[in-house]
Amino acid sequence: MSLKDLEDFSLILMNDIVRDGDPVLRQVAANVQFPLSDEDQQLAKDMMEYLENSQVPELSEKYGLRPGVGLAAPQVGVSEMMAAVLVPSNEENGKPLFKEVIINPVIISHSVQPVALSEGEGCLSVDKDIPGYVVRHDRITLRYTDVKGEQHKIRLRDYPAIVCQHEIDHLNGHLYYDLIDKEHPFTLKDANTVMVD
């Protein structure tokens, strides 16, 4: 790797991502203290850079990165309530649907309406494909603190809401496949479930 590559590239690579079976993925993460330590600021930056780089096909291929839209601190071995989320635009070169490092996030309300991704979910920490619908809330109101220490309260729906719920699950020691019905993975109990492609 050249010096220029090191300057432009995240310190997090696939080898740094903790895999299913590591106890850190099943722990409830600790709240993050403010102001952020230098280590936590660097962690936030590195997690977001991983997502940015993983979504660029040339970099993803060059460095063997699995594309991701979210990365939680426990996935890199740090049991803290912090996750990076980068949900790209549906339009080429459009503004991301949601891009933020969410710290100490809490879902303060959610819709009754269930939602699931039609192709199921995946995870950078889970190497095998575990098929099935992961039913979540279609709309959430999320409260979190950003890296500057500013509090936010936002409403998210559909894919950005699903991604944030997936990452918050990581912070609480849960993995997406915990929510799949083991007996009937592709059966929806609620016929009103919204399917998102």
C-alpha atoms as a PDB file:
ATOM      1  CA  MET A   1       0.000   0.000   0.000  1.00  0.00           C
ATOM      2  CA  SER A   2       1.466   3.381  -0.956  1.00  0.00           C
ATOM      3  CA  LEU A   3       1.550   6.419   1.335  1.00  0.00           C
ATOM      4  CA  LYS A   4      -1.221   8.012  -0.742  1.00  0.00           C
ATOM      5  CA  ASP A   5      -3.369   4.880  -0.285  1.00  0.00           C
ATOM      6  CA  LEU A   6      -2.778   5.012   3.482  1.00  0.00           C
ATOM      7  CA  GLU A   7      -3.799   8.687   3.590  1.00  0.00           C
ATOM      8  CA  ASP A   8      -7.006   8.016   1.676  1.00  0.00           C
ATOM      9  CA  PHE A   9      -7.941   4.655   3.123  1.00  0.00           C
ATOM     10  CA  SER A  10      -9.678   3.536   6.279  1.00  0.00           C
ATOM     11  CA  LEU A  11      -7.686   1.605   8.840  1.00  0.00           C
ATOM     12  CA  ILE A  12     -10.516  -0.949   8.998  1.00  0.00           C
ATOM     13  CA  LEU A  13     -10.285  -3.894   6.600  1.00  0.00           C
ATOM     14  CA  MET A  14     -12.284  -7.136   6.490  1.00  0.00           C
ATOM     15  CA  ASN A  15      -9.695  -8.831   8.741  1.00  0.00           C
ATOM     16  CA  ASP A  16     -10.508  -6.264  11.447  1.00  0.00           C
ATOM     17  CA  ILE A  17     -14.205  -7.116  11.499  1.00  0.00           C
ATOM     18  CA  VAL A  18     -15.201  -9.444  14.331  1.00  0.00           C
ATOM     19  CA  ARG A  19     -17.045 -12.557  13.160  1.00  0.00           C
ATOM     20  CA  ASP A  20     -20.070 -14.352  14.544  1.00  0.00           C
ATOM     21  CA  GLY A  21     -19.069 -16.434  17.550  1.00  0.00           C
ATOM     22  CA  ASP A  22     -16.939 -13.719  19.183  1.00  0.00           C
ATOM     23  CA  PRO A  23     -18.466 -12.874  22.599  1.00  0.00           C
ATOM     24  CA  VAL A  24     -18.236  -9.094  21.977  1.00  0.00           C
ATOM     25  CA  LEU A  25     -21.096  -9.423  19.464  1.00  0.00           C
ATOM     26  CA  ARG A  26     -23.403 -10.738  22.196  1.00  0.00           C
ATOM     27  CA  GLN A  27     -22.620  -8.086  24.828  1.00  0.00           C
ATOM     28  CA  VAL A  28     -24.697  -5.006  25.568  1.00  0.00           C
ATOM     29  CA  ALA A  29     -22.332  -2.163  24.670  1.00  0.00           C
ATOM     30  CA  ALA A  30     -21.413   0.605  27.123  1.00  0.00           C
ATOM     31  CA  ASN A  31     -22.635   4.169  26.685  1.00  0.00           C
ATOM     32  CA  VAL A  32     -20.084   6.524  25.136  1.00  0.00           C
ATOM     33  CA  GLN A  33     -18.895   9.447  27.261  1.00  0.00           C
ATOM     34  CA  PHE A  34     -18.613  13.028  25.963  1.00  0.00           C
ATOM     35  CA  PRO A  35     -16.543  14.819  24.935  1.00  0.00           C
ATOM     36  CA  LEU A  36     -15.321  11.954  22.779  1.00  0.00           C
ATOM     37  CA  SER A  37     -11.841  10.626  23.476  1.00  0.00           C
ATOM     38  CA  ASP A  38      -9.301  10.763  20.657  1.00  0.00           C
ATOM     39  CA  GLU A  39      -9.734   6.980  20.297  1.00  0.00           C
ATOM     40  CA  ASP A  40     -13.515   7.274  19.918  1.00  0.00           C
ATOM     41  CA  GLN A  41     -13.178  10.107  17.387  1.00  0.00           C
ATOM     42  CA  GLN A  42     -10.784   7.975  15.350  1.00  0.00           C
ATOM     43  CA  LEU A  43     -13.096   4.958  15.618  1.00  0.00           C
ATOM     44  CA  ALA A  44     -16.064   6.994  14.338  1.00  0.00           C
ATOM     45  CA  LYS A  45     -13.989   8.292  11.414  1.00  0.00           C
ATOM     46  CA  ASP A  46     -12.612   4.835  10.549  1.00  0.00           C
ATOM     47  CA  MET A  47     -16.028   3.141  10.635  1.00  0.00           C
ATOM     48  CA  MET A  48     -17.542   5.736   8.291  1.00  0.00           C
ATOM     49  CA  GLU A  49     -14.527   5.516   5.981  1.00  0.00           C
ATOM     50  CA  TYR A  50     -14.958   1.750   5.780  1.00  0.00           C
ATOM     51  CA  LEU A  51     -18.563   2.227   4.608  1.00  0.00           C
ATOM     52  CA  GLU A  52     -17.605   4.933   2.112  1.00  0.00           C
ATOM     53  CA  ASN A  53     -14.786   2.847   0.642  1.00  0.00           C
ATOM     54  CA  SER A  54     -16.805  -0.372   0.610  1.00  0.00           C
ATOM     55  CA  GLN A  55     -19.453   1.302  -1.561  1.00  0.00           C
ATOM     56  CA  VAL A  56     -16.901   2.280  -4.239  1.00  0.00           C
ATOM     57  CA  PRO A  57     -16.606  -0.811  -6.493  1.00  0.00           C
ATOM     58  CA  GLU A  58     -12.932  -0.202  -7.390  1.00  0.00           C
ATOM     59  CA  LEU A  59     -11.862   0.141  -3.734  1.00  0.00           C
ATOM     60  CA  SER A  60     -14.141  -2.665  -2.598  1.00  0.00           C
ATOM     61  CA  GLU A  61     -12.553  -5.022  -5.107  1.00  0.00           C
ATOM     62  CA  LYS A  62      -8.981  -3.798  -4.614  1.00  0.00           C
ATOM     63  CA  TYR A  63      -9.039  -4.234  -0.821  1.00  0.00           C
ATOM     64  CA  GLY A  64     -11.443  -7.161  -0.591  1.00  0.00           C
ATOM     65  CA  LEU A  65     -14.129  -5.197   1.251  1.00  0.00           C
ATOM     66  CA  ARG A  66     -17.668  -6.489   1.541  1.00  0.00           C
ATOM     67  CA  PRO A  67     -19.987  -3.566   0.772  1.00  0.00           C
ATOM     68  CA  GLY A  68     -21.797  -2.311   3.842  1.00  0.00           C
ATOM     69  CA  VAL A  69     -24.374   0.298   4.817  1.00  0.00           C
ATOM     70  CA  GLY A  70     -23.749   0.056   8.562  1.00  0.00           C
ATOM     71  CA  LEU A  71     -20.930  -0.839  10.921  1.00  0.00           C
ATOM     72  CA  ALA A  72     -21.257  -0.956  14.706  1.00  0.00           C
ATOM     73  CA  ALA A  73     -18.347  -0.552  17.134  1.00  0.00           C
ATOM     74  CA  PRO A  74     -18.751  -4.108  18.541  1.00  0.00           C
ATOM     75  CA  GLN A  75     -18.097  -5.383  15.009  1.00  0.00           C
ATOM     76  CA  VAL A  76     -14.551  -4.048  15.299  1.00  0.00           C
ATOM     77  CA  GLY A  77     -14.143  -5.328  18.857  1.00  0.00           C
ATOM     78  CA  VAL A  78     -15.129  -2.156  20.741  1.00  0.00           C
ATOM     79  CA  SER A  79     -18.116  -2.669  23.042  1.00  0.00           C
ATOM     80  CA  GLU A  80     -19.458   0.896  22.858  1.00  0.00           C
ATOM     81  CA  MET A  81     -22.787   2.396  21.770  1.00  0.00           C
ATOM     82  CA  MET A  82     -21.564   3.765  18.453  1.00  0.00           C
ATOM     83  CA  ALA A  83     -22.358   2.859  14.855  1.00  0.00           C
ATOM     84  CA  ALA A  84     -21.724   4.349  11.435  1.00  0.00           C
ATOM     85  CA  VAL A  85     -24.607   4.334   8.950  1.00  0.00           C
ATOM     86  CA  LEU A  86     -24.350   5.220   5.256  1.00  0.00           C
ATOM     87  CA  VAL A  87     -27.457   4.477   3.212  1.00  0.00           C
ATOM     88  CA  PRO A  88     -26.688   5.550  -0.359  1.00  0.00           C
ATOM     89  CA  SER A  89     -29.052   7.450  -2.606  1.00  0.00           C
ATOM     90  CA  ASN A  90     -31.257   5.566  -5.042  1.00  0.00           C
ATOM     91  CA  GLU A  91     -29.968   7.959  -7.723  1.00  0.00           C
ATOM     92  CA  GLU A  92     -26.438   7.967  -9.100  1.00  0.00           C
ATOM     93  CA  ASN A  93     -24.363  10.683  -7.375  1.00  0.00           C
ATOM     94  CA  GLY A  94     -27.378  11.632  -5.245  1.00  0.00           C
ATOM     95  CA  LYS A  95     -27.218  12.655  -1.600  1.00  0.00           C
ATOM     96  CA  PRO A  96     -27.196   9.659   0.784  1.00  0.00           C
ATOM     97  CA  LEU A  97     -30.580   8.810   2.289  1.00  0.00           C
ATOM     98  CA  PHE A  98     -28.894   8.782   5.706  1.00  0.00           C
ATOM     99  CA  LYS A  99     -25.239   9.285   6.643  1.00  0.00           C
ATOM    100  CA  GLU A 100     -24.241   9.646  10.277  1.00  0.00           C
ATOM    101  CA  VAL A 101     -22.269   8.189  13.137  1.00  0.00           C
ATOM    102  CA  ILE A 102     -24.965   7.533  15.715  1.00  0.00           C
ATOM    103  CA  ILE A 103     -23.774   7.499  19.323  1.00  0.00           C
ATOM    104  CA  ASN A 104     -25.845   6.237  22.275  1.00  0.00           C
ATOM    105  CA  PRO A 105     -28.837   5.777  19.918  1.00  0.00           C
ATOM    106  CA  VAL A 106     -32.316   5.092  21.281  1.00  0.00           C
ATOM    107  CA  ILE A 107     -35.487   4.321  19.323  1.00  0.00           C
ATOM    108  CA  ILE A 108     -38.015   6.457  21.179  1.00  0.00           C
ATOM    109  CA  SER A 109     -41.048   5.458  19.113  1.00  0.00           C
ATOM    110  CA  HIS A 110     -41.920   3.228  16.188  1.00  0.00           C
ATOM    111  CA  SER A 111     -44.791   2.358  13.899  1.00  0.00           C
ATOM    112  CA  VAL A 112     -46.930  -0.719  14.334  1.00  0.00           C
ATOM    113  CA  GLN A 113     -46.511  -1.384  10.606  1.00  0.00           C
ATOM    114  CA  PRO A 114     -43.950  -4.186  10.064  1.00  0.00           C
ATOM    115  CA  VAL A 115     -41.399  -4.164   7.255  1.00  0.00           C
ATOM    116  CA  ALA A 116     -38.881  -6.644   5.836  1.00  0.00           C
ATOM    117  CA  LEU A 117     -36.317  -6.659   3.058  1.00  0.00           C
ATOM    118  CA  SER A 118     -37.535  -8.922   0.262  1.00  0.00           C
ATOM    119  CA  GLU A 119     -34.083 -10.542  -0.108  1.00  0.00           C
ATOM    120  CA  GLY A 120     -33.466 -10.777   3.644  1.00  0.00           C
ATOM    121  CA  GLU A 121     -30.612  -9.139   5.541  1.00  0.00           C
ATOM    122  CA  GLY A 122     -26.886  -9.747   5.683  1.00  0.00           C
ATOM    123  CA  CYS A 123     -24.098  -8.699   8.014  1.00  0.00           C
ATOM    124  CA  LEU A 124     -20.379  -8.008   7.739  1.00  0.00           C
ATOM    125  CA  SER A 125     -19.871 -10.150  10.870  1.00  0.00           C
ATOM    126  CA  VAL A 126     -21.835 -13.137   9.552  1.00  0.00           C
ATOM    127  CA  ASP A 127     -20.010 -14.961   6.765  1.00  0.00           C
ATOM    128  CA  LYS A 128     -22.720 -17.453   5.853  1.00  0.00           C
ATOM    129  CA  ASP A 129     -26.027 -16.627   4.201  1.00  0.00           C
ATOM    130  CA  ILE A 130     -28.932 -17.155   6.600  1.00  0.00           C
ATOM    131  CA  PRO A 131     -32.117 -16.894   4.521  1.00  0.00           C
ATOM    132  CA  GLY A 132     -35.395 -15.596   5.859  1.00  0.00           C
ATOM    133  CA  TYR A 133     -37.415 -12.465   6.502  1.00  0.00           C
ATOM    134  CA  VAL A 134     -36.200 -10.159   9.267  1.00  0.00           C
ATOM    135  CA  VAL A 135     -39.320  -8.283  10.356  1.00  0.00           C
ATOM    136  CA  ARG A 136     -38.720  -4.804  11.769  1.00  0.00           C
ATOM    137  CA  HIS A 137     -40.618  -1.532  12.273  1.00  0.00           C
ATOM    138  CA  ASP A 138     -41.319   0.404   9.067  1.00  0.00           C
ATOM    139  CA  ARG A 139     -40.913   3.811  10.751  1.00  0.00           C
ATOM    140  CA  ILE A 140     -38.871   4.815  13.767  1.00  0.00           C
ATOM    141  CA  THR A 141     -38.080   7.991  15.673  1.00  0.00           C
ATOM    142  CA  LEU A 142     -34.417   7.874  16.599  1.00  0.00           C
ATOM    143  CA  ARG A 143     -32.597   9.930  19.219  1.00  0.00           C
ATOM    144  CA  TYR A 144     -28.801   9.938  19.095  1.00  0.00           C
ATOM    145  CA  THR A 145     -25.734  12.092  19.684  1.00  0.00           C
ATOM    146  CA  ASP A 146     -23.304  12.912  16.873  1.00  0.00           C
ATOM    147  CA  VAL A 147     -19.500  13.058  17.094  1.00  0.00           C
ATOM    148  CA  LYS A 148     -19.644  16.758  18.010  1.00  0.00           C
ATOM    149  CA  GLY A 149     -21.821  15.985  21.018  1.00  0.00           C
ATOM    150  CA  GLU A 150     -24.997  17.427  19.483  1.00  0.00           C
ATOM    151  CA  GLN A 151     -28.279  15.594  20.104  1.00  0.00           C
ATOM    152  CA  HIS A 152     -30.627  14.756  17.238  1.00  0.00           C
ATOM    153  CA  LYS A 153     -34.128  13.376  16.970  1.00  0.00           C
ATOM    154  CA  ILE A 154     -35.116  12.193  13.504  1.00  0.00           C
ATOM    155  CA  ARG A 155     -37.776  10.090  11.835  1.00  0.00           C
ATOM    156  CA  LEU A 156     -36.698   7.376   9.448  1.00  0.00           C
ATOM    157  CA  ARG A 157     -38.694   4.967   7.328  1.00  0.00           C
ATOM    158  CA  ASP A 158     -38.175   1.981   5.049  1.00  0.00           C
ATOM    159  CA  TYR A 159     -34.541   1.065   4.285  1.00  0.00           C
ATOM    160  CA  PRO A 160     -32.808   3.728   6.462  1.00  0.00           C
ATOM    161  CA  ALA A 161     -35.030   2.669   9.396  1.00  0.00           C
ATOM    162  CA  ILE A 162     -34.169  -1.005   8.791  1.00  0.00           C
ATOM    163  CA  VAL A 163     -30.426  -0.285   8.696  1.00  0.00           C
ATOM    164  CA  CYS A 164     -30.519   1.726  11.931  1.00  0.00           C
ATOM    165  CA  GLN A 165     -32.496  -1.016  13.687  1.00  0.00           C
ATOM    166  CA  HIS A 166     -29.935  -3.588  12.492  1.00  0.00           C
ATOM    167  CA  GLU A 167     -27.062  -1.496  13.902  1.00  0.00           C
ATOM    168  CA  ILE A 168     -28.835  -0.797  17.207  1.00  0.00           C
ATOM    169  CA  ASP A 169     -29.383  -4.546  17.533  1.00  0.00           C
ATOM    170  CA  HIS A 170     -25.591  -4.952  17.343  1.00  0.00           C
ATOM    171  CA  LEU A 171     -25.204  -2.501  20.219  1.00  0.00           C
ATOM    172  CA  ASN A 172     -27.581  -4.614  22.299  1.00  0.00           C
ATOM    173  CA  GLY A 173     -25.917  -7.955  21.562  1.00  0.00           C
ATOM    174  CA  HIS A 174     -28.335  -9.189  18.884  1.00  0.00           C
ATOM    175  CA  LEU A 175     -27.712 -10.399  15.325  1.00  0.00           C
ATOM    176  CA  TYR A 176     -30.207 -10.134  12.479  1.00  0.00           C
ATOM    177  CA  TYR A 177     -30.839 -13.870  12.229  1.00  0.00           C
ATOM    178  CA  ASP A 178     -32.168 -13.884  15.812  1.00  0.00           C
ATOM    179  CA  LEU A 179     -35.324 -12.341  14.299  1.00  0.00           C
ATOM    180  CA  ILE A 180     -35.826 -14.973  11.577  1.00  0.00           C
ATOM    181  CA  ASP A 181     -38.573 -17.522  12.251  1.00  0.00           C
ATOM    182  CA  LYS A 182     -36.573 -20.755  12.388  1.00  0.00           C
ATOM    183  CA  GLU A 183     -39.552 -22.980  11.474  1.00  0.00           C
ATOM    184  CA  HIS A 184     -40.932 -20.808   8.652  1.00  0.00           C
ATOM    185  CA  PRO A 185     -38.225 -18.337   7.557  1.00  0.00           C
ATOM    186  CA  PHE A 186     -40.195 -17.011   4.565  1.00  0.00           C
ATOM    187  CA  THR A 187     -43.634 -16.894   6.173  1.00  0.00           C
ATOM    188  CA  LEU A 188     -44.923 -13.549   7.420  1.00  0.00           C
ATOM    189  CA  LYS A 189     -47.271 -13.671  10.404  1.00  0.00           C
ATOM    190  CA  ASP A 190     -48.602 -10.212   9.570  1.00  0.00           C
ATOM    191  CA  ALA A 191     -50.065  -9.941   6.065  1.00  0.00           C
ATOM    192  CA  ASN A 192     -49.658  -6.144   6.291  1.00  0.00           C
ATOM    193  CA  THR A 193     -45.855  -6.381   6.296  1.00  0.00           C
ATOM    194  CA  VAL A 194     -44.322  -3.918   3.824  1.00  0.00           C
ATOM    195  CA  MET A 195     -41.681  -5.524   1.595  1.00  0.00           C
ATOM    196  CA  VAL A 196     -38.724  -3.323   0.642  1.00  0.00           C
ATOM    197  CA  ASP A 197     -36.536  -4.219  -2.357  1.00  0.00           C
END
